[in-house]
Amino acid sequence: MLDAFGSIRRDLRRYRLFEQLSAPWHGGMADIVRGMLIERRWCGVPAAEDPPSYEVYLENGIKTISVRPYALTVRIVADEPAAAEFGRLDAMIYSAARCFRLANDLRSVPVSAKRASSTGYRCATRIHDRRAGRQPGA
């Protein structure tokens, strides 16, 4: 994976906006890896233990869905100075990432329900149980 990231970085360095946007691009790529490691750790938690809260799960999922690095890469390759206005687009990137993550989770519900082991499924079940007044896992 590091070789792939390095290859992408080398390609992006050819563009003049990379220097200006490299810090958020690197941060986004690091967030993907950290988030995947967190999700891997959650997958190893026994089903009887509490999964992370929905908020914690979604915040991590927003990073692992990779929208921020994709959006930055497009802006770098577009090579337009106006594309460097990162602050203006950050809220839209965050919203898009949340939508993509939730859509991805919804698509995987049938498979997750069969094995009842995915973190997203366990988080959603816990929230549903609490809203219904049941003890999680009861």
C-alpha atoms as a PDB file:
ATOM      1  CA  MET A   1       0.000   0.000   0.000  1.00  0.00           C
ATOM      2  CA  LEU A   2       2.847   2.380   0.786  1.00  0.00           C
ATOM      3  CA  ASP A   3       4.295   1.738  -2.673  1.00  0.00           C
ATOM      4  CA  ALA A   4       0.960   2.690  -4.224  1.00  0.00           C
ATOM      5  CA  PHE A   5       0.759   5.881  -2.136  1.00  0.00           C
ATOM      6  CA  GLY A   6       4.339   6.728  -3.103  1.00  0.00           C
ATOM      7  CA  SER A   7       3.584   6.201  -6.771  1.00  0.00           C
ATOM      8  CA  ILE A   8       0.535   8.476  -6.616  1.00  0.00           C
ATOM      9  CA  ARG A   9       2.539  11.102  -4.731  1.00  0.00           C
ATOM     10  CA  ARG A  10       5.327  11.029  -7.328  1.00  0.00           C
ATOM     11  CA  ASP A  11       2.792  11.528 -10.102  1.00  0.00           C
ATOM     12  CA  LEU A  12       1.076  14.399  -8.277  1.00  0.00           C
ATOM     13  CA  ARG A  13       4.360  16.214  -7.609  1.00  0.00           C
ATOM     14  CA  ARG A  14       4.423  17.145 -11.321  1.00  0.00           C
ATOM     15  CA  TYR A  15       1.502  19.526 -10.762  1.00  0.00           C
ATOM     16  CA  ARG A  16       2.042  23.015  -9.398  1.00  0.00           C
ATOM     17  CA  LEU A  17      -0.835  22.804  -6.906  1.00  0.00           C
ATOM     18  CA  PHE A  18       0.596  19.740  -5.200  1.00  0.00           C
ATOM     19  CA  GLU A  19       2.976  21.799  -3.092  1.00  0.00           C
ATOM     20  CA  GLN A  20       0.106  23.943  -1.859  1.00  0.00           C
ATOM     21  CA  LEU A  21      -2.277  21.019  -1.244  1.00  0.00           C
ATOM     22  CA  SER A  22       0.225  18.348  -0.237  1.00  0.00           C
ATOM     23  CA  ALA A  23      -0.335  18.697   3.535  1.00  0.00           C
ATOM     24  CA  PRO A  24      -4.093  18.010   3.407  1.00  0.00           C
ATOM     25  CA  TRP A  25      -3.506  15.285   0.783  1.00  0.00           C
ATOM     26  CA  HIS A  26      -0.937  13.548   3.007  1.00  0.00           C
ATOM     27  CA  GLY A  27      -3.229  13.972   6.006  1.00  0.00           C
ATOM     28  CA  GLY A  28      -6.137  12.421   4.117  1.00  0.00           C
ATOM     29  CA  MET A  29      -4.045   9.447   3.033  1.00  0.00           C
ATOM     30  CA  ALA A  30      -2.788   8.927   6.603  1.00  0.00           C
ATOM     31  CA  ASP A  31      -6.386   9.149   7.875  1.00  0.00           C
ATOM     32  CA  ILE A  32      -7.369   6.326   5.512  1.00  0.00           C
ATOM     33  CA  VAL A  33      -4.693   4.023   6.904  1.00  0.00           C
ATOM     34  CA  ARG A  34      -5.370   4.955  10.546  1.00  0.00           C
ATOM     35  CA  GLY A  35      -9.099   4.487   9.999  1.00  0.00           C
ATOM     36  CA  MET A  36      -8.608   1.075   8.413  1.00  0.00           C
ATOM     37  CA  LEU A  37      -6.492  -0.011  11.358  1.00  0.00           C
ATOM     38  CA  ILE A  38      -9.214   1.152  13.752  1.00  0.00           C
ATOM     39  CA  GLU A  39     -11.882  -0.731  11.776  1.00  0.00           C
ATOM     40  CA  ARG A  40      -9.710  -3.831  11.792  1.00  0.00           C
ATOM     41  CA  ARG A  41      -9.403  -3.588  15.570  1.00  0.00           C
ATOM     42  CA  TRP A  42     -13.191  -3.192  15.869  1.00  0.00           C
ATOM     43  CA  CYS A  43     -13.704  -6.336  13.780  1.00  0.00           C
ATOM     44  CA  GLY A  44     -11.661  -8.267  16.320  1.00  0.00           C
ATOM     45  CA  VAL A  45     -13.885  -7.210  19.240  1.00  0.00           C
ATOM     46  CA  PRO A  46     -16.111 -10.082  20.391  1.00  0.00           C
ATOM     47  CA  ALA A  47     -19.777  -9.613  19.466  1.00  0.00           C
ATOM     48  CA  ALA A  48     -20.736  -9.544  23.154  1.00  0.00           C
ATOM     49  CA  GLU A  49     -18.736  -6.334  23.674  1.00  0.00           C
ATOM     50  CA  ASP A  50     -20.070  -2.939  22.783  1.00  0.00           C
ATOM     51  CA  PRO A  51     -19.108  -1.707  19.330  1.00  0.00           C
ATOM     52  CA  PRO A  52     -18.119   1.948  19.038  1.00  0.00           C
ATOM     53  CA  SER A  53     -20.871   4.536  19.196  1.00  0.00           C
ATOM     54  CA  TYR A  54     -22.569   5.395  15.928  1.00  0.00           C
ATOM     55  CA  GLU A  55     -20.959   8.828  15.997  1.00  0.00           C
ATOM     56  CA  VAL A  56     -17.453   7.392  16.476  1.00  0.00           C
ATOM     57  CA  TYR A  57     -18.082   4.756  13.813  1.00  0.00           C
ATOM     58  CA  LEU A  58     -19.344   7.295  11.277  1.00  0.00           C
ATOM     59  CA  GLU A  59     -16.541   9.789  11.972  1.00  0.00           C
ATOM     60  CA  ASN A  60     -13.986   7.052  11.324  1.00  0.00           C
ATOM     61  CA  GLY A  61     -15.899   5.798   8.285  1.00  0.00           C
ATOM     62  CA  ILE A  62     -15.891   9.250   6.739  1.00  0.00           C
ATOM     63  CA  LYS A  63     -12.105   9.019   6.657  1.00  0.00           C
ATOM     64  CA  THR A  64     -11.849   5.465   5.337  1.00  0.00           C
ATOM     65  CA  ILE A  65     -14.240   6.093   2.451  1.00  0.00           C
ATOM     66  CA  SER A  66     -11.416   8.256   1.007  1.00  0.00           C
ATOM     67  CA  VAL A  67     -13.442  11.117  -0.465  1.00  0.00           C
ATOM     68  CA  ARG A  68     -11.093  13.819   0.810  1.00  0.00           C
ATOM     69  CA  PRO A  69      -7.937  12.469  -0.901  1.00  0.00           C
ATOM     70  CA  TYR A  70      -9.928  11.815  -4.088  1.00  0.00           C
ATOM     71  CA  ALA A  71     -11.271  15.371  -4.125  1.00  0.00           C
ATOM     72  CA  LEU A  72      -7.811  16.794  -3.451  1.00  0.00           C
ATOM     73  CA  THR A  73      -6.273  14.691  -6.205  1.00  0.00           C
ATOM     74  CA  VAL A  74      -8.827  15.961  -8.714  1.00  0.00           C
ATOM     75  CA  ARG A  75      -8.139  19.540  -7.671  1.00  0.00           C
ATOM     76  CA  ILE A  76      -4.384  19.067  -7.966  1.00  0.00           C
ATOM     77  CA  VAL A  77      -4.656  17.491 -11.413  1.00  0.00           C
ATOM     78  CA  ALA A  78      -7.110  20.180 -12.567  1.00  0.00           C
ATOM     79  CA  ASP A  79      -4.190  22.572 -12.016  1.00  0.00           C
ATOM     80  CA  GLU A  80      -6.453  25.574 -11.589  1.00  0.00           C
ATOM     81  CA  PRO A  81      -5.473  28.155  -8.944  1.00  0.00           C
ATOM     82  CA  ALA A  82      -9.131  28.498  -7.880  1.00  0.00           C
ATOM     83  CA  ALA A  83      -9.079  24.801  -6.984  1.00  0.00           C
ATOM     84  CA  ALA A  84      -6.670  25.554  -4.143  1.00  0.00           C
ATOM     85  CA  GLU A  85      -9.474  27.148  -2.101  1.00  0.00           C
ATOM     86  CA  PHE A  86      -9.613  24.087   0.117  1.00  0.00           C
ATOM     87  CA  GLY A  87     -11.450  25.653   3.045  1.00  0.00           C
ATOM     88  CA  ARG A  88     -14.547  26.411   1.005  1.00  0.00           C
ATOM     89  CA  LEU A  89     -14.922  22.856  -0.201  1.00  0.00           C
ATOM     90  CA  ASP A  90     -14.092  21.020   3.021  1.00  0.00           C
ATOM     91  CA  ALA A  91     -17.688  21.030   4.317  1.00  0.00           C
ATOM     92  CA  MET A  92     -18.950  19.642   1.005  1.00  0.00           C
ATOM     93  CA  ILE A  93     -16.261  16.954   1.015  1.00  0.00           C
ATOM     94  CA  TYR A  94     -17.245  15.974   4.571  1.00  0.00           C
ATOM     95  CA  SER A  95     -20.945  15.751   3.641  1.00  0.00           C
ATOM     96  CA  ALA A  96     -20.215  13.727   0.517  1.00  0.00           C
ATOM     97  CA  ALA A  97     -18.017  11.341   2.498  1.00  0.00           C
ATOM     98  CA  ARG A  98     -20.764  10.815   5.092  1.00  0.00           C
ATOM     99  CA  CYS A  99     -23.285  10.049   2.311  1.00  0.00           C
ATOM    100  CA  PHE A 100     -20.920   7.655   0.544  1.00  0.00           C
ATOM    101  CA  ARG A 101     -20.125   5.849   3.792  1.00  0.00           C
ATOM    102  CA  LEU A 102     -23.760   5.418   4.776  1.00  0.00           C
ATOM    103  CA  ALA A 103     -24.695   4.287   1.258  1.00  0.00           C
ATOM    104  CA  ASN A 104     -21.843   1.769   1.363  1.00  0.00           C
ATOM    105  CA  ASP A 105     -23.063   0.471   4.727  1.00  0.00           C
ATOM    106  CA  LEU A 106     -26.656   0.177   3.502  1.00  0.00           C
ATOM    107  CA  ARG A 107     -25.504  -1.798   0.476  1.00  0.00           C
ATOM    108  CA  SER A 108     -23.699  -4.262   2.744  1.00  0.00           C
ATOM    109  CA  VAL A 109     -26.560  -4.773   5.242  1.00  0.00           C
ATOM    110  CA  PRO A 110     -27.808  -8.079   3.747  1.00  0.00           C
ATOM    111  CA  VAL A 111     -24.351  -9.659   4.027  1.00  0.00           C
ATOM    112  CA  SER A 112     -23.647  -8.087   7.425  1.00  0.00           C
ATOM    113  CA  ALA A 113     -26.977  -9.255   8.839  1.00  0.00           C
ATOM    114  CA  LYS A 114     -26.174 -12.859   7.946  1.00  0.00           C
ATOM    115  CA  ARG A 115     -22.944 -12.829   9.912  1.00  0.00           C
ATOM    116  CA  ALA A 116     -23.968 -10.096  12.421  1.00  0.00           C
ATOM    117  CA  SER A 117     -20.330  -9.274  12.893  1.00  0.00           C
ATOM    118  CA  SER A 118     -19.614  -6.106  10.956  1.00  0.00           C
ATOM    119  CA  THR A 119     -19.025  -3.019  13.032  1.00  0.00           C
ATOM    120  CA  GLY A 120     -21.539  -0.968  11.047  1.00  0.00           C
ATOM    121  CA  TYR A 121     -24.263  -3.559  11.526  1.00  0.00           C
ATOM    122  CA  ARG A 122     -23.529  -3.881  15.245  1.00  0.00           C
ATOM    123  CA  CYS A 123     -23.566  -0.079  15.714  1.00  0.00           C
ATOM    124  CA  ALA A 124     -26.873   0.255  13.882  1.00  0.00           C
ATOM    125  CA  THR A 125     -28.423  -2.613  15.858  1.00  0.00           C
ATOM    126  CA  ARG A 126     -27.315  -1.095  19.155  1.00  0.00           C
ATOM    127  CA  ILE A 127     -28.817   2.289  18.244  1.00  0.00           C
ATOM    128  CA  HIS A 128     -32.075   0.640  17.139  1.00  0.00           C
ATOM    129  CA  ASP A 129     -32.286  -1.366  20.379  1.00  0.00           C
ATOM    130  CA  ARG A 130     -31.721   1.712  22.526  1.00  0.00           C
ATOM    131  CA  ARG A 131     -34.364   3.710  20.647  1.00  0.00           C
ATOM    132  CA  ALA A 132     -36.796   0.806  21.109  1.00  0.00           C
ATOM    133  CA  GLY A 133     -36.060   0.781  24.856  1.00  0.00           C
ATOM    134  CA  ARG A 134     -34.296  -2.601  24.771  1.00  0.00           C
ATOM    135  CA  GLN A 135     -30.939  -3.397  26.245  1.00  0.00           C
ATOM    136  CA  PRO A 136     -28.404  -3.823  23.411  1.00  0.00           C
ATOM    137  CA  GLY A 137     -27.973  -7.486  22.544  1.00  0.00           C
ATOM    138  CA  ALA A 138     -31.018  -8.547  24.577  1.00  0.00           C
END
